[in-house]
Amino acid sequence: MTKYSPVNSPEKPVSTMGVRVRNFLIAIVAIALSVALVVGLRTETTSASLVQLEETSIPLEVAISNGKPSIVEFYADWCTVCQKMAPDIAELEQQYADKVNFVMLNVDNTKWLPEMLKYRVDGIPHFVFLAKNGEAIAQAIGDQPRLVMASNLDGLVTGSSLPYAQASGQVSKFSAPVAPANSQDDPRSHGSQVVN
């Protein structure tokens, strides 16, 4: 052996308790930073989504019968204009929640086909303004500035004419199906598919 060989040299005792405390503190700091990052990101992205608007939506049947004016929005989850307008609609909903019903109807749901045909929905978002009695008094189609929508809602609440009653903006094209998709061709139906 050489004289530099550390075989018999005394080593410094390693404190296992000190290593454990240090590792524990590192883990606590990492967890705290992760929680702070998640909370920070969630508070930073406060914009509303179409799903959130749909969840807070008043059912159409209730809106028509509760004696308050309503705004009905025909939308689709894939509609980029609808997604763009979602934060403004959410703010308006908070501002007018006690005065106006906000109804969201997804055009991809064939349940709403009669309403789509009734209000002639051919582009989305399509907004229908309903008086207290449920009668349609105005429509707006496409991207609408928040101030235009607020002015229309003010007119709706006071019962006066809507200043931007037939407004049109950028839309996402949509064609309502003419008939529900669940029709079946059955040879025993004896021509019931024929429409006069």
Protein backbone atom coordinates (compact mmCIF):
# COMPACT_ATOMS: atom_id res chain seq x y z
CA MET A 1 0.00 0.00 0.00
CA THR A 2 1.05 3.51 -0.60
CA LYS A 3 1.28 6.11 2.03
CA TYR A 4 -1.68 7.99 0.48
CA SER A 5 -4.10 5.14 0.81
CA PRO A 6 -7.25 6.10 2.76
CA VAL A 7 -7.98 2.51 3.82
CA ASN A 8 -7.42 3.05 7.51
CA SER A 9 -8.08 6.78 7.61
CA PRO A 10 -10.82 7.84 9.95
CA GLU A 11 -13.96 9.11 8.13
CA LYS A 12 -16.15 11.89 9.38
CA PRO A 13 -19.33 10.49 10.89
CA VAL A 14 -22.36 11.19 8.71
CA SER A 15 -25.36 12.38 10.63
CA THR A 16 -28.38 10.53 9.28
CA MET A 17 -30.66 12.76 11.28
CA GLY A 18 -29.28 15.89 9.57
CA VAL A 19 -29.70 14.36 6.10
CA ARG A 20 -33.29 13.41 6.87
CA VAL A 21 -34.17 16.90 8.12
CA ARG A 22 -32.58 18.47 5.05
CA ASN A 23 -34.50 16.15 2.67
CA PHE A 24 -37.74 16.79 4.56
CA LEU A 25 -37.29 20.58 4.24
CA ILE A 26 -36.56 20.26 0.52
CA ALA A 27 -39.74 18.21 0.06
CA ILE A 28 -41.84 20.76 1.99
CA VAL A 29 -40.45 23.67 -0.05
CA ALA A 30 -41.12 21.78 -3.32
CA ILE A 31 -44.71 21.07 -2.30
CA ALA A 32 -45.28 24.70 -1.25
CA LEU A 33 -43.90 25.99 -4.55
CA SER A 34 -46.06 23.55 -6.53
CA VAL A 35 -49.20 24.63 -4.69
CA ALA A 36 -48.34 28.30 -5.18
CA LEU A 37 -47.80 27.71 -8.91
CA VAL A 38 -51.13 25.90 -9.35
CA VAL A 39 -53.06 28.53 -7.38
CA GLY A 40 -51.34 31.32 -9.31
CA LEU A 41 -52.21 29.80 -12.66
CA ARG A 42 -55.83 29.22 -11.71
CA THR A 43 -56.35 32.78 -10.51
CA GLU A 44 -54.65 34.11 -13.62
CA THR A 45 -57.00 32.30 -16.02
CA THR A 46 -60.37 33.58 -14.87
CA SER A 47 -61.95 33.60 -18.32
CA ALA A 48 -65.20 31.70 -18.55
CA SER A 49 -65.73 28.75 -20.81
CA LEU A 50 -68.79 27.60 -22.73
CA VAL A 51 -69.04 24.61 -20.40
CA GLN A 52 -69.21 26.91 -17.36
CA LEU A 53 -71.84 29.08 -19.06
CA GLU A 54 -73.90 26.02 -19.95
CA GLU A 55 -73.71 24.77 -16.35
CA THR A 56 -75.05 28.07 -14.98
CA SER A 57 -77.67 28.38 -17.73
CA ILE A 58 -81.35 28.62 -16.86
CA PRO A 59 -83.42 25.85 -18.52
CA LEU A 60 -85.44 27.20 -21.45
CA GLU A 61 -88.75 26.02 -19.96
CA VAL A 62 -88.05 27.95 -16.73
CA ALA A 63 -86.88 31.07 -18.57
CA ILE A 64 -90.06 31.24 -20.65
CA SER A 65 -92.35 30.90 -17.65
CA ASN A 66 -90.69 32.79 -14.76
CA GLY A 67 -91.74 36.32 -15.78
CA LYS A 68 -88.24 37.67 -16.47
CA PRO A 69 -86.90 38.65 -19.88
CA SER A 70 -84.39 36.21 -21.35
CA ILE A 71 -81.47 36.02 -23.70
CA VAL A 72 -81.06 32.68 -25.46
CA GLU A 73 -77.70 31.86 -27.02
CA PHE A 74 -77.42 29.12 -29.61
CA TYR A 75 -73.80 27.94 -29.55
CA ALA A 76 -71.49 24.97 -30.13
CA ASP A 77 -68.37 23.90 -28.27
CA TRP A 78 -66.36 23.99 -31.53
CA CYS A 79 -67.48 27.55 -32.39
CA THR A 80 -64.47 29.87 -32.13
CA VAL A 81 -66.63 33.00 -32.07
CA CYS A 82 -68.71 31.51 -29.22
CA GLN A 83 -65.52 30.71 -27.30
CA LYS A 84 -64.22 34.24 -27.87
CA MET A 85 -67.45 35.78 -26.54
CA ALA A 86 -67.74 33.48 -23.48
CA PRO A 87 -65.88 35.79 -21.03
CA ASP A 88 -68.04 38.79 -22.01
CA ILE A 89 -71.24 36.75 -21.72
CA ALA A 90 -70.11 35.53 -18.28
CA GLU A 91 -69.53 39.12 -17.12
CA LEU A 92 -72.93 40.19 -18.46
CA GLU A 93 -74.56 37.23 -16.75
CA GLN A 94 -73.07 38.30 -13.42
CA GLN A 95 -74.16 41.90 -14.00
CA TYR A 96 -77.75 41.09 -15.05
CA ALA A 97 -78.33 37.79 -13.23
CA ASP A 98 -81.18 39.12 -11.06
CA LYS A 99 -82.94 40.82 -14.02
CA VAL A 100 -82.45 38.55 -17.06
CA ASN A 101 -82.46 34.78 -17.68
CA PHE A 102 -79.39 33.52 -19.56
CA VAL A 103 -80.15 30.38 -21.58
CA MET A 104 -77.53 28.36 -23.48
CA LEU A 105 -78.70 25.92 -26.19
CA ASN A 106 -76.08 23.74 -27.87
CA VAL A 107 -76.86 23.35 -31.59
CA ASP A 108 -75.16 19.95 -31.62
CA ASN A 109 -77.97 18.61 -29.41
CA THR A 110 -80.89 17.60 -31.67
CA LYS A 111 -83.23 18.23 -28.73
CA TRP A 112 -83.09 21.91 -29.70
CA LEU A 113 -83.95 21.34 -33.37
CA PRO A 114 -87.48 22.82 -33.05
CA GLU A 115 -86.03 25.99 -31.48
CA MET A 116 -83.29 26.18 -34.12
CA LEU A 117 -85.90 26.02 -36.86
CA LYS A 118 -88.26 28.43 -35.08
CA TYR A 119 -85.59 31.13 -34.70
CA ARG A 120 -83.93 30.28 -38.06
CA VAL A 121 -80.49 29.61 -36.65
CA ASP A 122 -78.02 29.49 -39.53
CA GLY A 123 -74.93 30.96 -37.89
CA ILE A 124 -73.63 30.88 -34.35
CA PRO A 125 -73.54 32.43 -31.90
CA HIS A 126 -77.18 33.33 -32.44
CA PHE A 127 -78.81 35.40 -29.69
CA VAL A 128 -82.57 35.65 -29.27
CA PHE A 129 -83.97 38.29 -26.90
CA LEU A 130 -87.25 37.23 -25.28
CA ALA A 131 -89.68 39.55 -23.51
CA LYS A 132 -91.09 38.70 -20.08
CA ASN A 133 -93.91 36.73 -21.72
CA GLY A 134 -91.44 34.58 -23.73
CA GLU A 135 -92.09 36.32 -27.06
CA ALA A 136 -89.04 36.89 -29.28
CA ILE A 137 -88.52 40.62 -29.77
CA ALA A 138 -85.06 40.76 -31.36
CA GLN A 139 -82.11 38.71 -32.55
CA ALA A 140 -78.38 39.26 -32.92
CA ILE A 141 -76.08 36.98 -34.85
CA GLY A 142 -72.33 36.58 -34.60
CA ASP A 143 -69.61 38.34 -32.66
CA GLN A 144 -71.12 41.21 -30.67
CA PRO A 145 -69.12 43.74 -28.65
CA ARG A 146 -69.82 43.64 -24.92
CA LEU A 147 -71.22 47.19 -24.96
CA VAL A 148 -73.69 46.29 -27.73
CA MET A 149 -74.90 43.30 -25.74
CA ALA A 150 -75.14 45.39 -22.56
CA SER A 151 -77.18 48.05 -24.37
CA ASN A 152 -79.56 45.39 -25.68
CA LEU A 153 -79.88 43.88 -22.20
CA ASP A 154 -80.63 47.31 -20.73
CA GLY A 155 -83.43 47.74 -23.28
CA LEU A 156 -84.69 44.25 -22.52
CA VAL A 157 -84.82 44.93 -18.77
CA THR A 158 -86.62 48.28 -19.12
CA GLY A 159 -89.02 46.96 -21.75
CA SER A 160 -87.92 49.57 -24.30
CA SER A 161 -86.70 48.93 -27.83
CA LEU A 162 -83.32 47.29 -28.20
CA PRO A 163 -80.83 49.70 -29.79
CA TYR A 164 -79.01 46.92 -31.67
CA ALA A 165 -81.98 44.65 -32.35
CA GLN A 166 -80.80 43.03 -35.58
CA ALA A 167 -77.04 43.19 -35.17
CA SER A 168 -74.81 40.89 -37.19
CA GLY A 169 -71.16 40.08 -36.66
CA GLN A 170 -68.67 37.33 -37.48
CA VAL A 171 -70.30 33.90 -37.24
CA SER A 172 -69.38 30.24 -37.33
CA LYS A 173 -71.44 28.62 -40.08
CA PHE A 174 -74.00 26.08 -38.99
CA SER A 175 -76.76 24.24 -40.82
CA ALA A 176 -79.55 22.80 -38.73
CA PRO A 177 -80.55 19.31 -39.79
CA VAL A 178 -83.97 19.24 -41.42
CA ALA A 179 -85.13 16.18 -39.49
CA PRO A 180 -83.95 14.40 -36.37
CA ALA A 181 -81.16 11.92 -37.09
CA ASN A 182 -82.87 8.96 -35.42
CA SER A 183 -85.28 8.14 -38.29
CA GLN A 184 -85.25 4.55 -39.45
CA ASP A 185 -86.14 3.05 -42.79
CA ASP A 186 -88.49 0.21 -42.04
CA PRO A 187 -90.16 -1.74 -44.84
CA ARG A 188 -93.27 -2.09 -42.66
CA SER A 189 -93.74 1.67 -42.42
CA HIS A 190 -95.66 1.68 -45.76
CA GLY A 191 -94.35 5.00 -47.01
CA SER A 192 -94.49 7.00 -43.78
CA GLN A 193 -91.16 8.58 -44.76
CA VAL A 194 -92.80 10.36 -47.66
CA VAL A 195 -93.45 14.00 -46.78
CA ASN A 196 -96.22 15.85 -48.63
